Amino acid sequence: MSKFIGYVGTYTKGDSKGIYSFTLDTDEQEITDVKLAAELGNPTYVTVSQDNRFLYSVVKDGEAGGVAAYSIDRQTGGLKLLNNDVTDGASPCHVSVNEANNQVVTGNYHKGTIELYSVNSETGSIESSQSVVAHVGAGPHERQEKPHTHFSGFTPDEKYVVAIDLGIDKLITYEVKDGALKEVNSLSVRPGSGPRHIAFHPNGKFAYIMTEISNEVVALAYDSSNGSFTELQYISTIPSDFTENSQGSAIHISKDGKFVYAGNRGHNSIAVFQVNEETGELTLVQMASSEGDWPRDFVFDPSEKFIVGSNQESSNLVLYARNEQTGKLSFIESDITVPYPVCVKFLHQ
């Protein structure tokens, strides 16, 4: 197979109307067929169920926010609204779905909350909000005046749910007990670092946090027996002499566990790191230009021979070839227009 369908979540300002779909042709090495797949407000983060039947998106609906469920036409990439669940106040910024497709979890930056929803695994519809936890605390940086949850997702074994909170410099581990989120562990990272997203190593022993404020990757050891994490390393994602504003964005790891990639908004780059698979520590191998302004996210294509990046403020997608031996990225094209792109996801293979 050489054609893969992808989705782009956006900020619905300017020309943007919602979630866009596109096709990556790996034989031709080009992105084509960019079109509006679903019209909705601020679908800034989306996730696809493991069986490719459903897509879940954060959504803003007037003065309310929550999560929307869509069925996927796997031939065309088309999306059909199933239902949504919204409550008063700001919309979430992150959404994840478990493998059984019966639980969705969101993180809300503005509210500082993490929320668990039950899902009908057959129909894909959101059934109800099961549990909401509000974080407490603050950090030393001016942007850390209160909790700001930026990531919510499941551990690889799905024993736990993990939240990353930029406002309080914390990673918090929850278990789901009787339909409710219950905190079982937490890790405080360096004060003022502003943790944003996390990526787990496929071996289940390591994980990597991207910090937004300090522009670093934090390498962690993960203990699945109790959901705890231990710091191993802090490594910068931008050059030491870069003094302008830069804010860390996305972090992803290759399926073979050999390379970690981290986005820098401001420095406008994707940093590439090689993983020491014995220690979990990272070594920088490349800083690739984002070929645009404010690289919010990027994604491996299903073959992992390519990466598609999204530049929010220059409203373009970028296609790179990825060397699977060295991890390095080679620029292919950047003139793919999508208005205010944030999150990029592919259908699974």
Protein backbone atom coordinates (compact mmCIF):
# COMPACT_ATOMS: atom_id res chain seq x y z
CA MET A 1 0.00 0.00 0.00
CA SER A 2 1.38 3.39 -0.95
CA LYS A 3 -1.49 5.76 -0.19
CA PHE A 4 -2.31 6.72 3.38
CA ILE A 5 -5.16 8.91 4.65
CA GLY A 6 -4.37 11.51 7.30
CA TYR A 7 -6.25 14.13 9.31
CA VAL A 8 -5.38 17.62 10.49
CA GLY A 9 -6.99 19.28 13.50
CA THR A 10 -6.96 23.09 13.33
CA TYR A 11 -7.79 26.35 15.03
CA THR A 12 -10.97 27.55 13.30
CA LYS A 13 -9.93 31.11 12.60
CA GLY A 14 -9.24 32.74 9.26
CA ASP A 15 -10.19 30.29 6.51
CA SER A 16 -10.24 27.22 8.73
CA LYS A 17 -13.54 25.37 9.10
CA GLY A 18 -12.60 22.27 11.11
CA ILE A 19 -10.87 18.92 10.52
CA TYR A 20 -9.14 18.42 7.17
CA SER A 21 -8.15 15.17 5.49
CA PHE A 22 -5.31 14.50 3.04
CA THR A 23 -3.66 11.63 1.21
CA LEU A 24 0.05 10.82 1.36
CA ASP A 25 1.29 8.97 -1.72
CA THR A 26 4.59 7.41 -0.64
CA ASP A 27 5.47 6.24 -4.18
CA GLU A 28 5.12 9.75 -5.58
CA GLN A 29 6.35 11.30 -2.31
CA GLU A 30 3.61 13.92 -2.26
CA ILE A 31 0.59 15.03 -0.27
CA THR A 32 -2.62 15.45 -2.26
CA ASP A 33 -6.37 15.75 -1.90
CA VAL A 34 -6.49 18.18 1.03
CA LYS A 35 -10.17 18.80 1.86
CA LEU A 36 -12.51 19.66 4.70
CA ALA A 37 -13.60 16.41 6.37
CA ALA A 38 -15.73 17.79 9.22
CA GLU A 39 -16.94 21.27 10.10
CA LEU A 40 -16.62 22.05 13.83
CA GLY A 41 -15.09 24.60 16.17
CA ASN A 42 -11.41 24.45 17.21
CA PRO A 43 -10.74 20.73 16.69
CA THR A 44 -7.16 21.30 17.79
CA TYR A 45 -6.48 17.68 18.75
CA VAL A 46 -7.85 14.50 17.22
CA THR A 47 -7.22 10.79 17.74
CA VAL A 48 -8.16 7.70 15.71
CA SER A 49 -9.39 4.43 17.23
CA GLN A 50 -7.08 1.46 16.79
CA ASP A 51 -9.54 -0.24 14.39
CA ASN A 52 -9.83 2.94 12.25
CA ARG A 53 -13.61 3.01 12.67
CA PHE A 54 -13.84 6.20 14.74
CA LEU A 55 -12.19 9.58 15.22
CA TYR A 56 -12.47 11.62 18.41
CA SER A 57 -11.83 15.35 18.48
CA VAL A 58 -11.80 18.11 21.04
CA VAL A 59 -14.46 20.65 20.15
CA LYS A 60 -15.47 24.20 21.01
CA ASP A 61 -19.21 24.87 20.74
CA GLY A 62 -20.04 28.48 21.54
CA GLU A 63 -19.17 29.01 25.21
CA ALA A 64 -18.92 25.26 25.82
CA GLY A 65 -16.30 22.64 25.07
CA GLY A 66 -15.82 18.89 25.11
CA VAL A 67 -15.31 15.97 22.79
CA ALA A 68 -16.95 14.92 19.49
CA ALA A 69 -17.16 11.43 17.98
CA TYR A 70 -17.10 10.66 14.24
CA SER A 71 -17.35 7.51 12.18
CA ILE A 72 -14.68 7.12 9.48
CA ASP A 73 -15.24 6.08 5.89
CA ARG A 74 -12.02 4.12 5.44
CA GLN A 75 -12.16 4.34 1.65
CA THR A 76 -12.56 8.10 1.33
CA GLY A 77 -11.46 9.35 4.75
CA GLY A 78 -14.83 11.06 5.14
CA LEU A 79 -16.13 11.77 8.64
CA LYS A 80 -19.73 11.51 9.87
CA LEU A 81 -20.71 13.06 13.20
CA LEU A 82 -21.99 10.54 15.73
CA ASN A 83 -22.46 12.79 18.77
CA ASN A 84 -20.65 15.10 21.15
CA ASP A 85 -20.48 15.79 24.87
CA VAL A 86 -19.85 19.40 25.87
CA THR A 87 -19.99 21.36 29.11
CA ASP A 88 -19.74 25.07 29.93
CA GLY A 89 -16.30 26.62 29.73
CA ALA A 90 -13.14 26.22 27.70
CA SER A 91 -12.65 23.24 25.41
CA PRO A 92 -9.98 20.59 26.05
CA CYS A 93 -6.62 20.64 24.25
CA HIS A 94 -5.88 16.91 24.11
CA VAL A 95 -7.81 13.67 23.59
CA SER A 96 -6.86 9.97 23.61
CA VAL A 97 -8.80 6.73 23.16
CA ASN A 98 -7.97 3.29 24.56
CA GLU A 99 -7.46 0.21 22.42
CA ALA A 100 -10.82 -1.35 23.35
CA ASN A 101 -12.49 1.88 22.23
CA ASN A 102 -14.61 2.09 25.37
CA GLN A 103 -12.84 4.97 27.11
CA VAL A 104 -11.78 8.43 25.96
CA VAL A 105 -9.76 10.79 28.11
CA THR A 106 -9.26 14.54 27.63
CA GLY A 107 -6.94 17.15 29.12
CA ASN A 108 -8.12 20.74 29.55
CA TYR A 109 -5.41 23.42 29.56
CA HIS A 110 -7.63 26.28 30.70
CA LYS A 111 -9.52 24.35 33.37
CA GLY A 112 -6.52 22.33 34.58
CA THR A 113 -8.60 19.15 34.50
CA ILE A 114 -8.49 15.61 33.15
CA GLU A 115 -11.78 13.98 32.18
CA LEU A 116 -12.71 10.35 31.49
CA TYR A 117 -15.62 9.47 29.18
CA SER A 118 -17.28 6.13 28.57
CA VAL A 119 -17.70 5.19 24.90
CA ASN A 120 -19.94 2.66 23.17
CA SER A 121 -17.30 0.44 21.57
CA GLU A 122 -19.76 -0.81 18.93
CA THR A 123 -21.27 2.49 17.76
CA GLY A 124 -18.32 4.74 18.69
CA SER A 125 -20.60 7.27 20.41
CA ILE A 126 -19.60 9.12 23.57
CA GLU A 127 -21.92 7.82 26.30
CA SER A 128 -21.13 9.92 29.36
CA SER A 129 -18.50 11.72 31.38
CA GLN A 130 -17.46 9.29 34.08
CA SER A 131 -14.90 11.22 36.07
CA VAL A 132 -13.31 14.68 36.25
CA VAL A 133 -10.22 15.51 38.30
CA ALA A 134 -9.08 19.11 38.84
CA HIS A 135 -5.37 19.58 39.46
CA VAL A 136 -4.15 22.02 42.11
CA GLY A 137 -1.05 24.15 42.47
CA ALA A 138 1.10 26.62 40.53
CA GLY A 139 4.65 27.04 39.24
CA PRO A 140 7.31 29.78 39.27
CA HIS A 141 6.89 30.94 35.66
CA GLU A 142 4.39 33.66 34.73
CA ARG A 143 2.42 31.14 32.66
CA GLN A 144 2.15 28.81 35.65
CA GLU A 145 -0.35 30.82 37.67
CA LYS A 146 -2.57 27.74 37.96
CA PRO A 147 -2.78 24.15 36.64
CA HIS A 148 -2.72 23.73 32.85
CA THR A 149 -3.25 20.10 31.80
CA HIS A 150 -1.74 19.66 28.34
CA PHE A 151 -1.75 15.90 27.77
CA SER A 152 -3.98 13.00 28.77
CA GLY A 153 -3.41 9.46 27.60
CA PHE A 154 -3.07 5.79 28.41
CA THR A 155 0.14 3.99 29.34
CA PRO A 156 1.22 1.35 26.78
CA ASP A 157 -0.21 -1.49 28.90
CA GLU A 158 -3.34 0.66 29.53
CA LYS A 159 -3.13 -0.05 33.26
CA TYR A 160 -3.01 3.69 33.89
CA VAL A 161 -3.98 7.09 32.57
CA VAL A 162 -1.25 9.74 32.56
CA ALA A 163 -1.75 13.51 32.68
CA ILE A 164 0.97 16.07 31.98
CA ASP A 165 0.38 19.47 33.60
CA LEU A 166 2.36 22.46 32.32
CA GLY A 167 1.13 24.78 35.08
CA ILE A 168 2.30 22.72 38.04
CA ASP A 169 5.35 20.96 36.50
CA LYS A 170 3.86 17.55 37.12
CA LEU A 171 3.22 14.16 35.58
CA ILE A 172 0.30 12.49 37.38
CA THR A 173 -0.58 8.80 37.07
CA TYR A 174 -4.17 7.62 37.57
CA GLU A 175 -5.85 4.27 37.64
CA VAL A 176 -9.48 3.85 36.63
CA LYS A 177 -11.37 2.29 39.52
CA ASP A 178 -15.13 1.80 39.42
CA GLY A 179 -15.31 4.23 36.51
CA ALA A 180 -13.40 6.97 38.36
CA LEU A 181 -9.89 8.38 37.96
CA LYS A 182 -7.85 7.80 41.11
CA GLU A 183 -4.35 9.24 41.52
CA VAL A 184 -1.76 6.55 42.26
CA ASN A 185 1.53 8.34 41.60
CA SER A 186 3.08 11.62 40.51
CA LEU A 187 6.41 13.06 39.46
CA SER A 188 7.45 16.69 39.79
CA VAL A 189 9.88 17.80 37.08
CA ARG A 190 12.17 20.83 37.29
CA PRO A 191 10.28 23.93 38.48
CA GLY A 192 9.43 26.26 35.59
CA SER A 193 10.13 23.69 32.87
CA GLY A 194 6.47 23.49 31.83
CA PRO A 195 5.97 19.84 30.76
CA ARG A 196 3.61 19.49 27.79
CA HIS A 197 3.46 16.04 26.12
CA ILE A 198 4.82 12.53 26.72
CA ALA A 199 5.83 9.65 24.43
CA PHE A 200 6.42 6.09 25.66
CA HIS A 201 9.23 3.87 24.41
CA PRO A 202 7.90 0.66 22.80
CA ASN A 203 9.85 -1.41 25.33
CA GLY A 204 7.56 -0.05 28.07
CA LYS A 205 10.52 0.88 30.28
CA PHE A 206 11.22 4.47 29.20
CA ALA A 207 9.20 7.59 28.44
CA TYR A 208 10.03 11.08 27.18
CA ILE A 209 8.44 14.39 28.19
CA MET A 210 8.68 17.51 26.03
CA THR A 211 8.79 20.71 28.07
CA GLU A 212 7.22 23.79 26.57
CA ILE A 213 8.83 26.52 28.67
CA SER A 214 12.41 25.23 29.05
CA ASN A 215 12.57 23.54 25.61
CA GLU A 216 13.93 20.23 26.89
CA VAL A 217 13.24 16.53 26.65
CA VAL A 218 13.10 14.75 29.99
CA ALA A 219 14.02 11.07 29.70
CA LEU A 220 12.26 8.90 32.27
CA ALA A 221 12.31 5.34 33.53
CA TYR A 222 8.79 3.93 33.84
CA ASP A 223 7.74 1.30 36.38
CA SER A 224 4.53 -0.31 35.17
CA SER A 225 4.03 -2.14 38.48
CA ASN A 226 2.95 1.05 40.24
CA GLY A 227 2.77 3.73 37.53
CA SER A 228 5.81 5.62 38.81
CA PHE A 229 8.45 7.51 36.84
CA THR A 230 12.08 8.38 37.59
CA GLU A 231 14.11 11.12 35.89
CA LEU A 232 17.10 9.94 33.84
CA GLN A 233 18.18 12.96 31.76
CA TYR A 234 17.35 16.52 30.69
CA ILE A 235 18.51 17.46 27.18
CA SER A 236 17.86 20.72 25.30
CA THR A 237 15.93 20.70 22.04
CA ILE A 238 17.30 24.06 20.82
CA PRO A 239 20.83 25.46 20.43
CA SER A 240 22.33 26.97 23.59
CA ASP A 241 22.90 30.30 21.82
CA PHE A 242 19.26 30.67 20.67
CA THR A 243 17.81 33.42 22.87
CA GLU A 244 14.56 34.31 21.10
CA ASN A 245 11.16 32.99 22.14
CA SER A 246 10.80 29.27 21.57
CA GLN A 247 8.20 26.90 23.00
CA GLY A 248 8.42 23.12 22.89
CA SER A 249 5.52 21.41 21.12
CA ALA A 250 5.07 17.76 20.12
CA ILE A 251 7.16 14.70 20.92
CA HIS A 252 7.00 11.31 19.17
CA ILE A 253 9.12 8.15 19.11
CA SER A 254 9.70 5.74 16.24
CA LYS A 255 8.13 2.27 16.55
CA ASP A 256 11.57 0.65 16.66
CA GLY A 257 12.39 2.78 19.72
CA LYS A 258 15.60 4.12 18.20
CA PHE A 259 14.71 7.80 17.65
CA VAL A 260 12.83 10.55 19.48
CA TYR A 261 11.59 13.66 17.62
CA ALA A 262 10.66 16.95 19.30
CA GLY A 263 9.13 20.14 17.86
CA ASN A 264 10.28 23.69 18.62
CA ARG A 265 7.92 26.61 17.99
CA GLY A 266 9.98 29.77 17.61
CA HIS A 267 13.24 28.08 16.74
CA ASN A 268 10.99 26.47 14.09
CA SER A 269 12.67 23.10 14.00
CA ILE A 270 12.27 19.41 14.72
CA ALA A 271 15.05 18.05 16.91
CA VAL A 272 16.05 14.43 16.26
CA PHE A 273 17.57 12.32 19.04
CA GLN A 274 19.04 8.83 19.06
CA VAL A 275 17.99 6.60 21.95
CA ASN A 276 20.47 4.56 23.95
CA GLU A 277 18.29 1.49 24.33
CA GLU A 278 20.24 0.31 27.40
CA THR A 279 20.02 3.53 29.43
CA GLY A 280 17.12 5.34 27.75
CA GLU A 281 19.24 8.49 27.39
CA LEU A 282 19.26 10.63 24.25
CA THR A 283 21.91 12.07 21.93
CA LEU A 284 21.11 14.87 19.47
CA VAL A 285 21.63 13.88 15.81
CA GLN A 286 19.88 16.68 13.87
CA MET A 287 17.86 19.87 14.03
CA ALA A 288 15.71 19.97 10.89
CA SER A 289 14.02 23.19 9.80
CA SER A 290 10.23 23.13 10.19
CA GLU A 291 9.99 24.90 6.80
CA GLY A 292 7.37 27.24 8.26
CA ASP A 293 6.31 29.13 11.36
CA TRP A 294 5.28 27.61 14.71
CA PRO A 295 5.55 23.81 14.19
CA ARG A 296 2.74 22.59 16.41
CA ASP A 297 2.84 18.88 15.63
CA PHE A 298 4.16 16.19 13.28
CA VAL A 299 3.40 12.53 12.66
CA PHE A 300 5.08 9.43 11.26
CA ASP A 301 3.31 7.95 8.27
CA PRO A 302 2.36 4.25 8.78
CA SER A 303 5.52 3.08 7.01
CA GLU A 304 7.62 5.44 9.20
CA LYS A 305 9.65 6.31 6.11
CA PHE A 306 8.11 9.80 6.10
CA ILE A 307 7.09 12.48 8.59
CA VAL A 308 4.38 15.10 8.03
CA GLY A 309 4.75 18.31 10.05
CA SER A 310 2.24 21.10 10.68
CA ASN A 311 3.16 24.79 10.94
CA GLN A 312 0.35 26.63 12.69
CA GLU A 313 1.15 30.25 11.89
CA SER A 314 2.28 29.74 8.26
CA SER A 315 -0.69 27.42 7.59
CA ASN A 316 1.27 24.69 5.84
CA LEU A 317 2.05 21.01 6.06
CA VAL A 318 5.57 19.76 5.39
CA LEU A 319 6.65 16.37 4.05
CA TYR A 320 10.00 14.86 5.03
CA ALA A 321 11.65 11.58 4.13
CA ARG A 322 12.98 9.78 7.21
CA ASN A 323 16.17 7.74 7.17
CA GLU A 324 15.33 4.72 9.32
CA GLN A 325 19.02 3.99 10.05
CA THR A 326 20.14 7.49 11.09
CA GLY A 327 16.78 9.00 12.07
CA LYS A 328 17.56 12.10 10.01
CA LEU A 329 14.91 14.01 8.08
CA SER A 330 15.22 15.21 4.48
CA PHE A 331 12.87 17.93 3.27
CA ILE A 332 10.58 17.05 0.33
CA GLU A 333 7.80 19.65 0.09
CA SER A 334 6.20 22.40 2.16
CA ASP A 335 3.64 24.13 -0.07
CA ILE A 336 0.64 22.13 1.21
CA THR A 337 -1.87 24.66 2.49
CA VAL A 338 -4.02 23.84 5.52
CA PRO A 339 -5.25 26.83 7.55
CA TYR A 340 -3.90 27.02 11.13
CA PRO A 341 -2.98 23.33 11.43
CA VAL A 342 -2.34 21.93 14.90
CA CYS A 343 -2.53 18.14 15.20
CA VAL A 344 -1.75 15.55 12.50
CA LYS A 345 -2.84 11.87 12.61
CA PHE A 346 -2.93 8.96 10.11
CA LEU A 347 -5.27 6.01 9.91
CA HIS A 348 -3.49 2.99 11.43
CA GLN A 349 -2.14 0.16 9.29
